């Protein structure tokens, strides 16, 4: 604990001095830089692709392959100590629980022993239903709207054929 009134009158045995471990932890803890965020995004994409390719084969587990789990997000922590894997949820709660249990059982097969961050499945992505919005339905409506409007900036000519001059 730190005294409120530190000064030379307290003596060296009463003043607070941080231990060597605290000093090392304080000096080695750094804020994440822009390069770290770029590296995180790149690694998240690589891990997402590798894990989706791995789950599309029965290499991990026949049970996980039969469940046809679709990943929605892979997220490394900022200190590269863990990897969180999110998948798309279904309407059935017992199907989600069964998928969670199967993925937890086969998590060891998804880890690469040479890679430092262990992959653990977290659950269905919470960000997909942010604010109660069904993003797939919204994207479908946007695409239908764009098709009706003629693909964007068509002008008054419309989506018909255009003669070359």
C-alpha atoms as a PDB file:
ATOM      1  CA  UNK A   1       0.000   0.000   0.000  1.00  0.00           C
ATOM      2  CA  UNK A   2       1.049   3.518  -0.600  1.00  0.00           C
ATOM      3  CA  UNK A   3       1.178   6.132   2.140  1.00  0.00           C
ATOM      4  CA  UNK A   4      -0.729   9.375   1.636  1.00  0.00           C
ATOM      5  CA  UNK A   5       2.115  11.597   2.764  1.00  0.00           C
ATOM      6  CA  UNK A   6       5.424  10.331   1.506  1.00  0.00           C
ATOM      7  CA  UNK A   7       8.496  12.249   2.439  1.00  0.00           C
ATOM      8  CA  UNK A   8      12.053  12.029   3.698  1.00  0.00           C
ATOM      9  CA  UNK A   9      10.872  12.012   7.318  1.00  0.00           C
ATOM     10  CA  UNK A  10       9.239   8.549   6.962  1.00  0.00           C
ATOM     11  CA  UNK A  11      12.435   6.607   6.436  1.00  0.00           C
ATOM     12  CA  UNK A  12      13.368   4.167   3.692  1.00  0.00           C
ATOM     13  CA  UNK A  13      11.681   1.151   5.355  1.00  0.00           C
ATOM     14  CA  UNK A  14       8.261   2.891   5.414  1.00  0.00           C
ATOM     15  CA  UNK A  15       8.168   4.223   1.861  1.00  0.00           C
ATOM     16  CA  UNK A  16       6.682   2.165  -0.960  1.00  0.00           C
ATOM     17  CA  UNK A  17       9.111   0.676  -3.450  1.00  0.00           C
ATOM     18  CA  UNK A  18       7.786  -1.590  -6.210  1.00  0.00           C
ATOM     19  CA  UNK A  19       9.133  -5.106  -6.441  1.00  0.00           C
ATOM     20  CA  UNK A  20      11.280  -6.178  -9.361  1.00  0.00           C
ATOM     21  CA  UNK A  21       8.420  -8.232 -10.817  1.00  0.00           C
ATOM     22  CA  UNK A  22       6.031  -5.273 -10.717  1.00  0.00           C
ATOM     23  CA  UNK A  23       8.659  -3.086 -12.321  1.00  0.00           C
ATOM     24  CA  UNK A  24       9.237  -5.599 -15.130  1.00  0.00           C
ATOM     25  CA  UNK A  25       5.516  -6.060 -15.712  1.00  0.00           C
ATOM     26  CA  UNK A  26       5.005  -2.312 -15.799  1.00  0.00           C
ATOM     27  CA  UNK A  27       7.835  -1.713 -18.233  1.00  0.00           C
ATOM     28  CA  UNK A  28       6.915  -4.598 -20.553  1.00  0.00           C
ATOM     29  CA  UNK A  29       3.212  -3.850 -20.725  1.00  0.00           C
ATOM     30  CA  UNK A  30       2.754  -1.675 -23.764  1.00  0.00           C
ATOM     31  CA  UNK A  31      -0.240  -0.291 -25.516  1.00  0.00           C
ATOM     32  CA  UNK A  32      -1.254  -1.918 -28.751  1.00  0.00           C
ATOM     33  CA  UNK A  33       0.108  -0.141 -31.749  1.00  0.00           C
ATOM     34  CA  UNK A  34      -1.381   0.275 -35.200  1.00  0.00           C
ATOM     35  CA  UNK A  35       0.901  -2.468 -36.521  1.00  0.00           C
ATOM     36  CA  UNK A  36      -0.481  -4.847 -33.900  1.00  0.00           C
ATOM     37  CA  UNK A  37      -4.038  -4.158 -35.069  1.00  0.00           C
ATOM     38  CA  UNK A  38      -3.037  -4.814 -38.670  1.00  0.00           C
ATOM     39  CA  UNK A  39      -1.343  -8.033 -37.602  1.00  0.00           C
ATOM     40  CA  UNK A  40      -4.411  -9.048 -35.574  1.00  0.00           C
ATOM     41  CA  UNK A  41      -6.763  -8.488 -38.511  1.00  0.00           C
ATOM     42  CA  UNK A  42      -4.521 -10.490 -40.824  1.00  0.00           C
ATOM     43  CA  UNK A  43      -4.177 -13.358 -38.366  1.00  0.00           C
ATOM     44  CA  UNK A  44      -7.921 -13.354 -37.677  1.00  0.00           C
ATOM     45  CA  UNK A  45      -8.544 -13.765 -41.403  1.00  0.00           C
ATOM     46  CA  UNK A  46      -5.952 -16.513 -41.775  1.00  0.00           C
ATOM     47  CA  UNK A  47      -7.255 -18.429 -38.771  1.00  0.00           C
ATOM     48  CA  UNK A  48     -10.848 -18.044 -39.989  1.00  0.00           C
ATOM     49  CA  UNK A  49      -9.946 -19.500 -43.380  1.00  0.00           C
ATOM     50  CA  UNK A  50      -7.884 -22.328 -41.887  1.00  0.00           C
ATOM     51  CA  UNK A  51     -10.560 -23.312 -39.369  1.00  0.00           C
ATOM     52  CA  UNK A  52     -13.406 -23.183 -41.906  1.00  0.00           C
ATOM     53  CA  UNK A  53     -11.361 -25.367 -44.258  1.00  0.00           C
ATOM     54  CA  UNK A  54     -10.648 -27.738 -41.390  1.00  0.00           C
ATOM     55  CA  UNK A  55     -14.289 -27.977 -40.312  1.00  0.00           C
ATOM     56  CA  UNK A  56     -15.404 -28.744 -43.888  1.00  0.00           C
ATOM     57  CA  UNK A  57     -13.573 -32.069 -43.672  1.00  0.00           C
ATOM     58  CA  UNK A  58     -14.076 -34.970 -41.248  1.00  0.00           C
ATOM     59  CA  UNK A  59     -10.425 -34.562 -40.181  1.00  0.00           C
ATOM     60  CA  UNK A  60     -11.331 -32.987 -36.837  1.00  0.00           C
ATOM     61  CA  UNK A  61     -14.288 -35.175 -35.975  1.00  0.00           C
ATOM     62  CA  UNK A  62     -17.015 -36.952 -37.903  1.00  0.00           C
ATOM     63  CA  UNK A  63     -19.555 -35.572 -35.425  1.00  0.00           C
ATOM     64  CA  UNK A  64     -18.504 -31.962 -36.047  1.00  0.00           C
ATOM     65  CA  UNK A  65     -18.473 -32.618 -39.794  1.00  0.00           C
ATOM     66  CA  UNK A  66     -22.024 -34.027 -39.643  1.00  0.00           C
ATOM     67  CA  UNK A  67     -23.217 -30.972 -37.704  1.00  0.00           C
ATOM     68  CA  UNK A  68     -21.917 -28.751 -40.553  1.00  0.00           C
ATOM     69  CA  UNK A  69     -20.999 -25.919 -38.203  1.00  0.00           C
ATOM     70  CA  UNK A  70     -20.540 -22.602 -40.006  1.00  0.00           C
ATOM     71  CA  UNK A  71     -18.059 -20.191 -38.440  1.00  0.00           C
ATOM     72  CA  UNK A  72     -18.936 -16.515 -38.299  1.00  0.00           C
ATOM     73  CA  UNK A  73     -15.898 -14.961 -36.639  1.00  0.00           C
ATOM     74  CA  UNK A  74     -12.435 -15.794 -35.339  1.00  0.00           C
ATOM     75  CA  UNK A  75     -10.865 -13.346 -32.924  1.00  0.00           C
ATOM     76  CA  UNK A  76      -7.378 -13.336 -31.427  1.00  0.00           C
ATOM     77  CA  UNK A  77      -6.851 -11.444 -28.194  1.00  0.00           C
ATOM     78  CA  UNK A  78      -4.631  -8.364 -28.388  1.00  0.00           C
ATOM     79  CA  UNK A  79      -1.784 -10.134 -26.579  1.00  0.00           C
ATOM     80  CA  UNK A  80      -2.064 -13.200 -28.891  1.00  0.00           C
ATOM     81  CA  UNK A  81      -2.709 -15.482 -25.911  1.00  0.00           C
ATOM     82  CA  UNK A  82      -6.033 -16.978 -27.014  1.00  0.00           C
ATOM     83  CA  UNK A  83      -8.206 -17.407 -30.060  1.00  0.00           C
ATOM     84  CA  UNK A  84     -11.993 -17.169 -29.802  1.00  0.00           C
ATOM     85  CA  UNK A  85     -14.069 -18.996 -32.406  1.00  0.00           C
ATOM     86  CA  UNK A  86     -17.696 -17.973 -32.997  1.00  0.00           C
ATOM     87  CA  UNK A  87     -20.198 -19.906 -35.097  1.00  0.00           C
ATOM     88  CA  UNK A  88     -23.611 -19.195 -36.549  1.00  0.00           C
ATOM     89  CA  UNK A  89     -26.461 -20.283 -34.349  1.00  0.00           C
ATOM     90  CA  UNK A  90     -29.585 -22.210 -35.279  1.00  0.00           C
ATOM     91  CA  UNK A  91     -33.120 -21.888 -33.979  1.00  0.00           C
ATOM     92  CA  UNK A  92     -32.882 -25.021 -31.847  1.00  0.00           C
ATOM     93  CA  UNK A  93     -31.330 -24.492 -28.410  1.00  0.00           C
ATOM     94  CA  UNK A  94     -30.547 -28.190 -27.970  1.00  0.00           C
ATOM     95  CA  UNK A  95     -28.835 -28.262 -31.382  1.00  0.00           C
ATOM     96  CA  UNK A  96     -26.677 -25.299 -30.286  1.00  0.00           C
ATOM     97  CA  UNK A  97     -25.828 -27.030 -26.998  1.00  0.00           C
ATOM     98  CA  UNK A  98     -24.946 -30.232 -28.870  1.00  0.00           C
ATOM     99  CA  UNK A  99     -22.736 -28.273 -31.298  1.00  0.00           C
ATOM    100  CA  UNK A 100     -21.040 -26.495 -28.367  1.00  0.00           C
ATOM    101  CA  UNK A 101     -20.303 -29.822 -26.663  1.00  0.00           C
ATOM    102  CA  UNK A 102     -19.002 -31.411 -29.872  1.00  0.00           C
ATOM    103  CA  UNK A 103     -16.746 -28.445 -30.608  1.00  0.00           C
ATOM    104  CA  UNK A 104     -15.396 -28.438 -27.043  1.00  0.00           C
ATOM    105  CA  UNK A 105     -14.586 -32.155 -27.330  1.00  0.00           C
ATOM    106  CA  UNK A 106     -12.768 -31.658 -30.618  1.00  0.00           C
ATOM    107  CA  UNK A 107     -11.051 -28.371 -29.694  1.00  0.00           C
ATOM    108  CA  UNK A 108      -7.779 -30.188 -29.037  1.00  0.00           C
ATOM    109  CA  UNK A 109      -7.753 -31.452 -32.642  1.00  0.00           C
ATOM    110  CA  UNK A 110      -8.218 -27.913 -33.954  1.00  0.00           C
ATOM    111  CA  UNK A 111      -5.165 -26.649 -32.081  1.00  0.00           C
ATOM    112  CA  UNK A 112      -1.752 -26.696 -33.664  1.00  0.00           C
ATOM    113  CA  UNK A 113       0.771 -27.766 -30.997  1.00  0.00           C
ATOM    114  CA  UNK A 114       3.430 -25.457 -32.470  1.00  0.00           C
ATOM    115  CA  UNK A 115       1.178 -22.387 -32.362  1.00  0.00           C
ATOM    116  CA  UNK A 116       1.052 -20.468 -29.064  1.00  0.00           C
ATOM    117  CA  UNK A 117      -2.612 -19.389 -28.930  1.00  0.00           C
ATOM    118  CA  UNK A 118      -5.006 -22.212 -28.079  1.00  0.00           C
ATOM    119  CA  UNK A 119      -8.323 -22.146 -29.924  1.00  0.00           C
ATOM    120  CA  UNK A 120     -11.428 -22.527 -27.831  1.00  0.00           C
ATOM    121  CA  UNK A 121     -14.989 -22.284 -28.996  1.00  0.00           C
ATOM    122  CA  UNK A 122     -16.947 -19.538 -27.269  1.00  0.00           C
ATOM    123  CA  UNK A 123     -20.438 -19.881 -28.654  1.00  0.00           C
ATOM    124  CA  UNK A 124     -22.738 -18.391 -31.208  1.00  0.00           C
ATOM    125  CA  UNK A 125     -21.673 -14.939 -32.232  1.00  0.00           C
ATOM    126  CA  UNK A 126     -23.316 -12.344 -30.053  1.00  0.00           C
ATOM    127  CA  UNK A 127     -22.496  -9.588 -32.511  1.00  0.00           C
ATOM    128  CA  UNK A 128     -24.686 -11.086 -35.249  1.00  0.00           C
ATOM    129  CA  UNK A 129     -27.914 -10.130 -33.514  1.00  0.00           C
ATOM    130  CA  UNK A 130     -26.757  -6.748 -32.271  1.00  0.00           C
ATOM    131  CA  UNK A 131     -29.754  -4.504 -31.517  1.00  0.00           C
ATOM    132  CA  UNK A 132     -32.120  -7.283 -32.605  1.00  0.00           C
ATOM    133  CA  UNK A 133     -31.346  -6.832 -36.320  1.00  0.00           C
ATOM    134  CA  UNK A 134     -31.436  -9.855 -38.610  1.00  0.00           C
ATOM    135  CA  UNK A 135     -28.449  -8.985 -40.785  1.00  0.00           C
ATOM    136  CA  UNK A 136     -29.033 -11.729 -43.343  1.00  0.00           C
ATOM    137  CA  UNK A 137     -32.588 -10.540 -44.010  1.00  0.00           C
ATOM    138  CA  UNK A 138     -31.394  -6.931 -44.146  1.00  0.00           C
ATOM    139  CA  UNK A 139     -28.661  -7.800 -46.661  1.00  0.00           C
ATOM    140  CA  UNK A 140     -31.218  -9.680 -48.761  1.00  0.00           C
ATOM    141  CA  UNK A 141     -33.499  -6.618 -48.773  1.00  0.00           C
ATOM    142  CA  UNK A 142     -30.585  -4.382 -49.784  1.00  0.00           C
ATOM    143  CA  UNK A 143     -29.651  -6.684 -52.667  1.00  0.00           C
ATOM    144  CA  UNK A 144     -33.283  -6.811 -53.879  1.00  0.00           C
ATOM    145  CA  UNK A 145     -33.449  -3.006 -53.723  1.00  0.00           C
ATOM    146  CA  UNK A 146     -30.227  -2.690 -55.723  1.00  0.00           C
ATOM    147  CA  UNK A 147     -31.551  -5.127 -58.351  1.00  0.00           C
ATOM    148  CA  UNK A 148     -34.783  -3.143 -58.663  1.00  0.00           C
ATOM    149  CA  UNK A 149     -32.915   0.149 -58.998  1.00  0.00           C
ATOM    150  CA  UNK A 150     -30.748  -1.214 -61.784  1.00  0.00           C
ATOM    151  CA  UNK A 151     -27.493  -1.819 -59.981  1.00  0.00           C
ATOM    152  CA  UNK A 152     -26.798   1.630 -58.626  1.00  0.00           C
ATOM    153  CA  UNK A 153     -25.946   4.761 -60.631  1.00  0.00           C
ATOM    154  CA  UNK A 154     -27.684   3.867 -63.900  1.00  0.00           C
ATOM    155  CA  UNK A 155     -29.188   7.313 -64.506  1.00  0.00           C
ATOM    156  CA  UNK A 156     -32.294   7.855 -66.664  1.00  0.00           C
ATOM    157  CA  UNK A 157     -31.309   5.252 -69.246  1.00  0.00           C
ATOM    158  CA  UNK A 158     -32.260   2.387 -66.943  1.00  0.00           C
ATOM    159  CA  UNK A 159     -30.898  -1.130 -66.981  1.00  0.00           C
ATOM    160  CA  UNK A 160     -31.507  -1.654 -70.736  1.00  0.00           C
ATOM    161  CA  UNK A 161     -28.794  -2.159 -73.358  1.00  0.00           C
ATOM    162  CA  UNK A 162     -26.596   0.790 -74.235  1.00  0.00           C
ATOM    163  CA  UNK A 163     -25.364   1.446 -77.776  1.00  0.00           C
ATOM    164  CA  UNK A 164     -21.677   2.073 -78.298  1.00  0.00           C
ATOM    165  CA  UNK A 165     -20.722   5.123 -80.347  1.00  0.00           C
END
